[in-house]
Amino acid sequence: MRVVIARFPFDLTKAGVLESMSGVKPESATGDFVTIGRRRYPAKQVGEVITRQDRRDFSAGEVVRAMTRLGFTCGTAADLPGDAPTEAV
């Protein structure tokens, strides 16, 4: 599927992304993330690996949009249960 990240078109497949990310250790995700296999990767880390571009060249939103179109589950670390700050009573 053709996706555009940082104004450049890429022909990506779900299998190609899985292959590119195999063996890559996920960094801690504090913002947007992409679930690939059983791991959650920061969107910027995924974008850097699959496009071979510097992380400053694209937004996490561009990566999330592209990965969602390919069928990956994406979200925000703030949406994860247990990550929300607790209120003092």
Protein backbone atom coordinates (compact mmCIF):
# COMPACT_ATOMS: atom_id res chain seq x y z
CA MET A 1 0.00 0.00 0.00
CA ARG A 2 1.31 3.42 -0.88
CA VAL A 3 1.58 5.78 2.08
CA VAL A 4 3.13 9.23 2.41
CA ILE A 5 5.43 9.99 5.32
CA ALA A 6 7.43 13.24 5.42
CA ARG A 7 6.20 14.14 1.92
CA PHE A 8 7.77 10.96 0.48
CA PRO A 9 5.70 8.06 -0.88
CA PHE A 10 6.49 4.56 0.41
CA ASP A 11 5.11 1.24 -0.80
CA LEU A 12 4.66 -0.63 2.47
CA THR A 13 3.09 -3.97 3.30
CA LYS A 14 2.15 -5.36 6.67
CA ALA A 15 4.57 -8.26 6.14
CA GLY A 16 7.35 -5.83 5.19
CA VAL A 17 6.83 -3.78 8.35
CA LEU A 18 6.81 -6.95 10.48
CA GLU A 19 10.07 -8.05 8.86
CA SER A 20 11.70 -4.61 9.30
CA MET A 21 10.75 -4.46 12.98
CA SER A 22 11.79 -8.01 13.84
CA GLY A 23 14.78 -7.95 16.16
CA VAL A 24 14.25 -4.28 17.04
CA LYS A 25 13.95 -3.67 20.78
CA PRO A 26 11.12 -1.25 21.58
CA GLU A 27 11.96 1.97 23.38
CA SER A 28 9.61 3.16 26.10
CA ALA A 29 6.49 4.68 24.55
CA THR A 30 5.41 7.91 26.17
CA GLY A 31 3.29 9.26 23.30
CA ASP A 32 1.80 7.58 20.26
CA PHE A 33 2.58 3.90 19.81
CA VAL A 34 2.14 1.12 17.26
CA THR A 35 1.51 -2.47 18.33
CA ILE A 36 3.54 -4.81 16.14
CA GLY A 37 3.28 -8.45 17.10
CA ARG A 38 3.13 -8.48 20.89
CA ARG A 39 5.23 -5.34 21.36
CA ARG A 40 4.38 -1.65 21.55
CA TYR A 41 6.82 0.58 19.69
CA PRO A 42 6.86 4.39 19.79
CA ALA A 43 5.49 5.68 16.49
CA LYS A 44 8.65 7.69 15.82
CA GLN A 45 10.83 4.57 16.27
CA VAL A 46 8.70 2.64 13.76
CA GLY A 47 8.85 5.53 11.29
CA GLU A 48 12.62 5.78 11.59
CA VAL A 49 13.12 2.05 10.96
CA ILE A 50 10.73 1.68 8.02
CA THR A 51 11.59 4.94 6.23
CA ARG A 52 15.29 5.23 7.19
CA GLN A 53 14.72 8.93 7.81
CA ASP A 54 15.56 11.04 10.82
CA ARG A 55 12.77 11.24 13.40
CA ARG A 56 12.66 15.01 13.07
CA ASP A 57 11.56 14.70 9.43
CA PHE A 58 8.07 13.33 10.14
CA SER A 59 5.37 13.45 12.77
CA ALA A 60 4.11 10.57 14.90
CA GLY A 61 0.67 11.24 13.42
CA GLU A 62 1.90 10.45 9.92
CA VAL A 63 3.27 7.10 11.09
CA VAL A 64 0.13 6.26 13.08
CA ARG A 65 -2.07 7.08 10.07
CA ALA A 66 0.05 4.88 7.77
CA MET A 67 0.25 1.97 10.22
CA THR A 68 -3.50 2.12 10.86
CA ARG A 69 -4.13 1.86 7.12
CA LEU A 70 -1.89 -1.23 7.06
CA GLY A 71 -3.96 -2.83 9.83
CA PHE A 72 -1.77 -2.29 12.89
CA THR A 73 -3.25 -1.24 16.22
CA CYS A 74 -2.16 2.24 17.24
CA GLY A 75 -2.85 4.40 20.26
CA THR A 76 -1.53 6.87 22.78
CA ALA A 77 0.33 5.89 25.94
CA ALA A 78 -2.12 8.04 27.92
CA ASP A 79 -4.93 5.72 26.76
CA LEU A 80 -3.34 2.66 28.37
CA PRO A 81 -4.87 1.47 31.65
CA GLY A 82 -2.75 2.12 34.69
CA ASP A 83 -0.82 4.94 33.06
CA ALA A 84 -3.23 7.67 34.13
CA PRO A 85 -2.24 9.68 37.20
CA THR A 86 -4.28 8.89 40.27
CA GLU A 87 -6.10 11.61 42.12
CA ALA A 88 -5.42 12.21 45.79
CA VAL A 89 -8.52 12.06 47.97
